[in-house]
Amino acid sequence: MASKLGIIAGGGEFPGLVIAACRADGRPFHVLGLTGHADPKIIGDAPADWIRLGEAGTGFKLLKEAGVAEIVMIGPVRRPTLKELAPDWRTTKFFARVGLKALGDDGLLRAVAKEIESEGFTVVGIDSVLADCLAVAGPYGGLVPDDQAQSDILRAWEVAKGIGALDVGQAVVVQQGIVLGVEAVEGTDSLIRRCAELKREGPGGVLVKVRKPGQDRRLDLPTIGLATLREAAAAGLRGIVVQAGGALVLGRDAIGAEADRLGLFVLGREDPC
């Protein structure tokens, strides 16, 4: 039997998919929900404990008491200020060592993963539990980008790799060669809404999401779901491109059907580098 999986749950639907996958496979699991981030409705009646982000000491204790061996961290978590964090002693020692302000999101997640493994757990990637959610190359749905969109994709990919190398964000919106916006702390949905106010006349822009260069594949892969498509359509974008093998797609068939309904292309693209 597979080892017991600890699910450190942030927001969105992915924690629920991991729970469902564990149940379908008969794998033992335990959820550690992050209060204010994870949705209690998504967690449902799964075996779970709840902590604030700043309660690392309590979290480790609960996971050990639950008999967890492997841990997956899944779901978006808004980065808090130190005041919001209200860290316990274990969390305070961690940040005193790594420096909260000195790290971007990827650097912080790497440090968190290292801290978790120092407690005797093994951190695994979401694709080890939900392999069919990893983006594949090719179109999702019947639409494909035209020449203008292809040009915008190349520009957005280049910029996304650049901001990713600086550990800033994973997503970029480009329209007719012009960068309308890059993702930072606000997240993809807010980026799309912001770009809606900046769009130009003519063919709409494209959203590109790629894994940061050197990013730990177990942590915070770029993700799209139905909500991303709907935000993109509402903002007047023409399509979405994700990195094949380096991003997560929440429901391939559903994404393809919704893309066709909304008149968007959704494309998995291999990293040429």
Protein backbone atom coordinates (compact mmCIF):
# COMPACT_ATOMS: atom_id res chain seq x y z
CA MET A 1 0.00 0.00 0.00
CA ALA A 2 1.18 3.53 -0.79
CA SER A 3 2.37 5.63 2.12
CA LYS A 4 -0.06 8.01 3.78
CA LEU A 5 -0.27 11.33 1.95
CA GLY A 6 -0.50 14.67 3.72
CA ILE A 7 -2.32 17.29 1.63
CA ILE A 8 -1.37 20.83 2.62
CA ALA A 9 -4.34 22.57 1.04
CA GLY A 10 -4.52 26.11 -0.26
CA GLY A 11 -7.30 27.53 -2.39
CA GLY A 12 -8.98 26.36 -5.56
CA GLU A 13 -10.24 22.98 -6.68
CA PHE A 14 -7.02 20.96 -6.80
CA PRO A 15 -7.11 19.87 -3.14
CA GLY A 16 -10.50 18.29 -3.84
CA LEU A 17 -9.12 16.46 -6.86
CA VAL A 18 -6.25 15.06 -4.79
CA ILE A 19 -8.71 13.90 -2.14
CA ALA A 20 -10.83 12.21 -4.81
CA ALA A 21 -7.77 10.54 -6.35
CA CYS A 22 -6.65 9.18 -2.98
CA ARG A 23 -10.12 7.79 -2.32
CA ALA A 24 -10.30 6.21 -5.78
CA ASP A 25 -6.91 4.56 -5.31
CA GLY A 26 -7.61 3.52 -1.72
CA ARG A 27 -4.63 5.56 -0.57
CA PRO A 28 -4.66 6.80 3.03
CA PHE A 29 -4.46 10.60 3.36
CA HIS A 30 -4.90 13.48 5.74
CA VAL A 31 -5.58 17.13 4.90
CA LEU A 32 -3.95 20.09 6.58
CA GLY A 33 -6.16 22.98 5.51
CA LEU A 34 -4.82 26.53 5.57
CA THR A 35 -7.45 28.74 7.18
CA GLY A 36 -8.49 31.64 4.99
CA HIS A 37 -7.11 29.97 1.87
CA ALA A 38 -8.52 26.43 1.56
CA ASP A 39 -12.26 26.15 0.91
CA PRO A 40 -14.05 24.06 3.57
CA LYS A 41 -16.58 23.02 0.92
CA ILE A 42 -13.78 21.57 -1.23
CA ILE A 43 -12.29 19.70 1.74
CA GLY A 44 -15.74 18.39 2.64
CA ASP A 45 -15.81 15.44 5.01
CA ALA A 46 -12.19 14.41 4.37
CA PRO A 47 -10.05 13.75 7.45
CA ALA A 48 -8.56 17.15 8.14
CA ASP A 49 -7.02 19.59 10.58
CA TRP A 50 -6.88 23.34 10.09
CA ILE A 51 -4.09 25.79 10.88
CA ARG A 52 -3.10 29.36 10.12
CA LEU A 53 -0.08 29.85 7.86
CA GLY A 54 1.99 30.94 10.85
CA GLU A 55 1.40 27.75 12.86
CA ALA A 56 4.18 25.58 11.47
CA GLY A 57 4.89 23.93 14.81
CA THR A 58 1.27 22.88 15.22
CA GLY A 59 1.10 21.75 11.60
CA PHE A 60 4.12 19.46 11.90
CA LYS A 61 2.72 18.00 15.11
CA LEU A 62 -0.67 17.28 13.53
CA LEU A 63 0.83 15.69 10.43
CA LYS A 64 3.03 13.41 12.53
CA GLU A 65 0.10 12.42 14.73
CA ALA A 66 -1.85 11.55 11.56
CA GLY A 67 0.93 9.21 10.45
CA VAL A 68 1.73 11.11 7.25
CA ALA A 69 4.86 10.11 5.31
CA GLU A 70 4.61 12.07 2.03
CA ILE A 71 3.33 15.61 1.56
CA VAL A 72 1.90 17.45 -1.42
CA MET A 73 1.36 21.21 -1.30
CA ILE A 74 -1.43 22.30 -3.61
CA GLY A 75 -3.65 25.32 -4.15
CA PRO A 76 -2.90 29.05 -4.30
CA VAL A 77 -1.97 30.83 -1.09
CA ARG A 78 -1.83 34.61 -0.88
CA ARG A 79 1.51 35.67 0.53
CA PRO A 80 0.87 37.30 3.93
CA THR A 81 2.66 40.11 5.69
CA LEU A 82 4.48 39.24 8.90
CA LYS A 83 1.70 40.94 10.86
CA GLU A 84 -0.95 38.80 9.16
CA LEU A 85 1.18 35.71 9.63
CA ALA A 86 1.33 36.01 13.44
CA PRO A 87 4.04 33.32 13.47
CA ASP A 88 4.47 30.78 16.25
CA TRP A 89 7.94 30.06 17.62
CA ARG A 90 8.69 27.38 15.01
CA THR A 91 7.69 29.68 12.16
CA THR A 92 9.59 32.62 13.65
CA LYS A 93 12.80 30.58 13.75
CA PHE A 94 12.28 29.60 10.12
CA PHE A 95 11.89 33.17 8.90
CA ALA A 96 14.76 34.38 11.06
CA ARG A 97 16.92 31.90 9.20
CA VAL A 98 15.71 32.38 5.61
CA GLY A 99 14.53 36.00 5.64
CA LEU A 100 10.93 36.51 4.42
CA LYS A 101 11.63 39.69 2.48
CA ALA A 102 14.71 38.30 0.75
CA LEU A 103 12.85 35.51 -1.07
CA GLY A 104 10.54 35.47 -4.05
CA ASP A 105 7.69 32.98 -4.17
CA ASP A 106 9.76 30.15 -5.64
CA GLY A 107 12.64 30.74 -3.23
CA LEU A 108 10.22 30.78 -0.30
CA LEU A 109 8.51 27.57 -1.41
CA ARG A 110 11.88 25.84 -1.79
CA ALA A 111 12.79 26.88 1.72
CA VAL A 112 9.42 25.65 3.03
CA ALA A 113 9.86 22.30 1.27
CA LYS A 114 13.33 21.93 2.74
CA GLU A 115 11.94 22.71 6.19
CA ILE A 116 9.20 20.10 5.78
CA GLU A 117 11.73 17.47 4.75
CA SER A 118 13.90 18.35 7.74
CA GLU A 119 10.99 17.08 9.84
CA GLY A 120 11.21 13.66 8.19
CA PHE A 121 8.52 14.02 5.52
CA THR A 122 8.99 13.58 1.76
CA VAL A 123 7.60 16.36 -0.44
CA VAL A 124 6.09 15.11 -3.72
CA GLY A 125 4.69 16.91 -6.76
CA ILE A 126 1.01 17.08 -7.62
CA ASP A 127 1.73 15.28 -10.90
CA SER A 128 2.74 12.20 -8.92
CA VAL A 129 -0.85 12.06 -7.62
CA LEU A 130 -2.74 13.57 -10.57
CA ALA A 131 -0.65 12.66 -13.60
CA ASP A 132 -3.46 13.43 -16.05
CA CYS A 133 -3.48 17.09 -14.96
CA LEU A 134 -0.01 17.76 -16.36
CA ALA A 135 -0.28 19.85 -19.53
CA VAL A 136 0.32 18.04 -22.81
CA ALA A 137 1.51 19.53 -26.10
CA GLY A 138 -1.09 20.54 -28.66
CA PRO A 139 -4.49 22.25 -28.73
CA TYR A 140 -7.22 21.77 -26.16
CA GLY A 141 -10.33 22.15 -28.27
CA GLY A 142 -10.77 22.94 -31.94
CA LEU A 143 -9.24 26.43 -32.24
CA VAL A 144 -5.59 27.21 -32.96
CA PRO A 145 -3.64 30.50 -32.98
CA ASP A 146 -3.22 32.46 -36.22
CA ASP A 147 0.01 34.20 -37.28
CA GLN A 148 -0.58 37.30 -35.12
CA ALA A 149 -1.36 35.17 -32.09
CA GLN A 150 1.72 33.02 -32.73
CA SER A 151 3.85 36.15 -32.75
CA ASP A 152 2.29 37.30 -29.48
CA ILE A 153 2.90 33.85 -27.96
CA LEU A 154 6.61 34.03 -28.80
CA ARG A 155 6.88 37.51 -27.26
CA ALA A 156 4.95 36.53 -24.14
CA TRP A 157 6.98 33.33 -23.72
CA GLU A 158 10.22 35.30 -23.83
CA VAL A 159 8.98 37.82 -21.25
CA ALA A 160 7.51 35.11 -19.00
CA LYS A 161 10.84 33.30 -18.94
CA GLY A 162 12.54 36.57 -18.06
CA ILE A 163 10.31 37.43 -15.10
CA GLY A 164 10.39 33.80 -14.01
CA ALA A 165 14.19 33.85 -13.87
CA LEU A 166 13.84 36.78 -11.45
CA ASP A 167 11.29 34.79 -9.37
CA VAL A 168 8.59 37.39 -10.02
CA GLY A 169 5.73 35.54 -11.70
CA GLN A 170 4.68 32.91 -14.23
CA ALA A 171 2.21 34.66 -16.55
CA VAL A 172 2.26 37.40 -19.18
CA VAL A 173 -0.38 38.96 -21.43
CA VAL A 174 0.68 40.28 -24.84
CA GLN A 175 -1.50 41.88 -27.51
CA GLN A 176 -0.18 42.76 -30.98
CA GLY A 177 3.38 42.58 -29.69
CA ILE A 178 2.74 44.86 -26.72
CA VAL A 179 3.12 43.55 -23.17
CA LEU A 180 -0.12 44.51 -21.44
CA GLY A 181 0.85 43.02 -18.09
CA VAL A 182 3.05 40.63 -16.16
CA GLU A 183 2.04 38.59 -13.14
CA ALA A 184 3.45 39.47 -9.74
CA VAL A 185 1.89 38.95 -6.33
CA GLU A 186 -1.70 39.54 -7.51
CA GLY A 187 -2.17 36.20 -9.32
CA THR A 188 -3.35 35.32 -12.80
CA ASP A 189 -7.02 36.24 -12.51
CA SER A 190 -6.19 39.73 -11.27
CA LEU A 191 -3.58 40.09 -14.03
CA ILE A 192 -6.21 39.26 -16.66
CA ARG A 193 -8.72 41.73 -15.20
CA ARG A 194 -6.09 44.46 -15.10
CA CYS A 195 -5.17 43.83 -18.74
CA ALA A 196 -8.82 44.08 -19.77
CA GLU A 197 -8.59 47.82 -19.04
CA LEU A 198 -5.47 48.13 -21.21
CA LYS A 199 -6.52 46.19 -24.31
CA ARG A 200 -6.16 47.81 -27.72
CA GLU A 201 -8.40 47.83 -30.77
CA GLY A 202 -8.04 44.85 -33.06
CA PRO A 203 -7.24 41.18 -32.41
CA GLY A 204 -7.19 40.33 -28.73
CA GLY A 205 -4.16 39.32 -26.70
CA VAL A 206 -2.88 36.03 -25.40
CA LEU A 207 -2.10 34.78 -21.91
CA VAL A 208 1.04 32.65 -21.54
CA LYS A 209 1.90 30.72 -18.37
CA VAL A 210 5.25 28.95 -17.99
CA ARG A 211 7.26 27.30 -15.26
CA LYS A 212 10.01 29.50 -13.86
CA PRO A 213 13.50 28.50 -15.04
CA GLY A 214 14.95 26.08 -12.48
CA GLN A 215 11.66 25.95 -10.56
CA ASP A 216 11.19 22.91 -8.33
CA ARG A 217 8.63 20.82 -10.25
CA ARG A 218 7.00 19.72 -6.99
CA LEU A 219 5.98 23.25 -6.07
CA ASP A 220 3.50 25.79 -7.46
CA LEU A 221 3.41 24.79 -11.13
CA PRO A 222 1.46 27.30 -13.26
CA THR A 223 -2.18 26.26 -13.41
CA ILE A 224 -5.27 26.98 -15.48
CA GLY A 225 -8.87 25.92 -14.95
CA LEU A 226 -12.30 26.83 -16.24
CA ALA A 227 -12.27 30.07 -14.25
CA THR A 228 -9.09 31.13 -16.07
CA LEU A 229 -10.78 30.62 -19.44
CA ARG A 230 -13.83 32.61 -18.40
CA GLU A 231 -11.71 35.49 -17.11
CA ALA A 232 -9.72 35.47 -20.35
CA ALA A 233 -12.86 35.55 -22.50
CA ALA A 234 -14.38 38.36 -20.42
CA ALA A 235 -11.17 40.37 -20.86
CA GLY A 236 -11.24 39.99 -24.65
CA LEU A 237 -8.25 37.66 -24.91
CA ARG A 238 -8.04 35.27 -27.86
CA GLY A 239 -6.30 32.39 -26.18
CA ILE A 240 -4.16 30.83 -23.48
CA VAL A 241 -0.87 28.96 -23.79
CA VAL A 242 0.72 26.81 -21.07
CA GLN A 243 4.01 24.99 -20.95
CA ALA A 244 3.60 21.32 -21.86
CA GLY A 245 5.02 19.19 -19.07
CA GLY A 246 5.48 22.26 -16.89
CA ALA A 247 1.94 23.38 -16.06
CA LEU A 248 -1.29 21.94 -14.69
CA VAL A 249 -4.59 21.89 -16.57
CA LEU A 250 -7.66 21.31 -14.47
CA GLY A 251 -9.73 18.85 -16.53
CA ARG A 252 -8.48 18.41 -20.12
CA ASP A 253 -11.81 17.52 -21.71
CA ALA A 254 -13.71 20.22 -19.84
CA ILE A 255 -11.09 22.82 -20.77
CA GLY A 256 -11.32 21.90 -24.45
CA ALA A 257 -15.12 22.05 -24.46
CA GLU A 258 -15.20 25.38 -22.61
CA ALA A 259 -12.54 26.85 -24.91
CA ASP A 260 -14.67 25.99 -27.94
CA ARG A 261 -17.77 27.42 -26.29
CA LEU A 262 -16.02 30.68 -25.47
CA GLY A 263 -14.21 30.93 -28.82
CA LEU A 264 -10.72 30.73 -27.32
CA PHE A 265 -7.72 28.65 -28.27
CA VAL A 266 -5.93 26.82 -25.47
CA LEU A 267 -2.56 25.37 -26.35
CA GLY A 268 0.10 23.29 -24.62
CA ARG A 269 3.51 24.32 -25.99
CA GLU A 270 6.85 22.62 -25.52
CA ASP A 271 9.61 24.82 -24.09
CA PRO A 272 12.03 25.34 -26.98
CA CYS A 273 14.94 26.03 -24.63
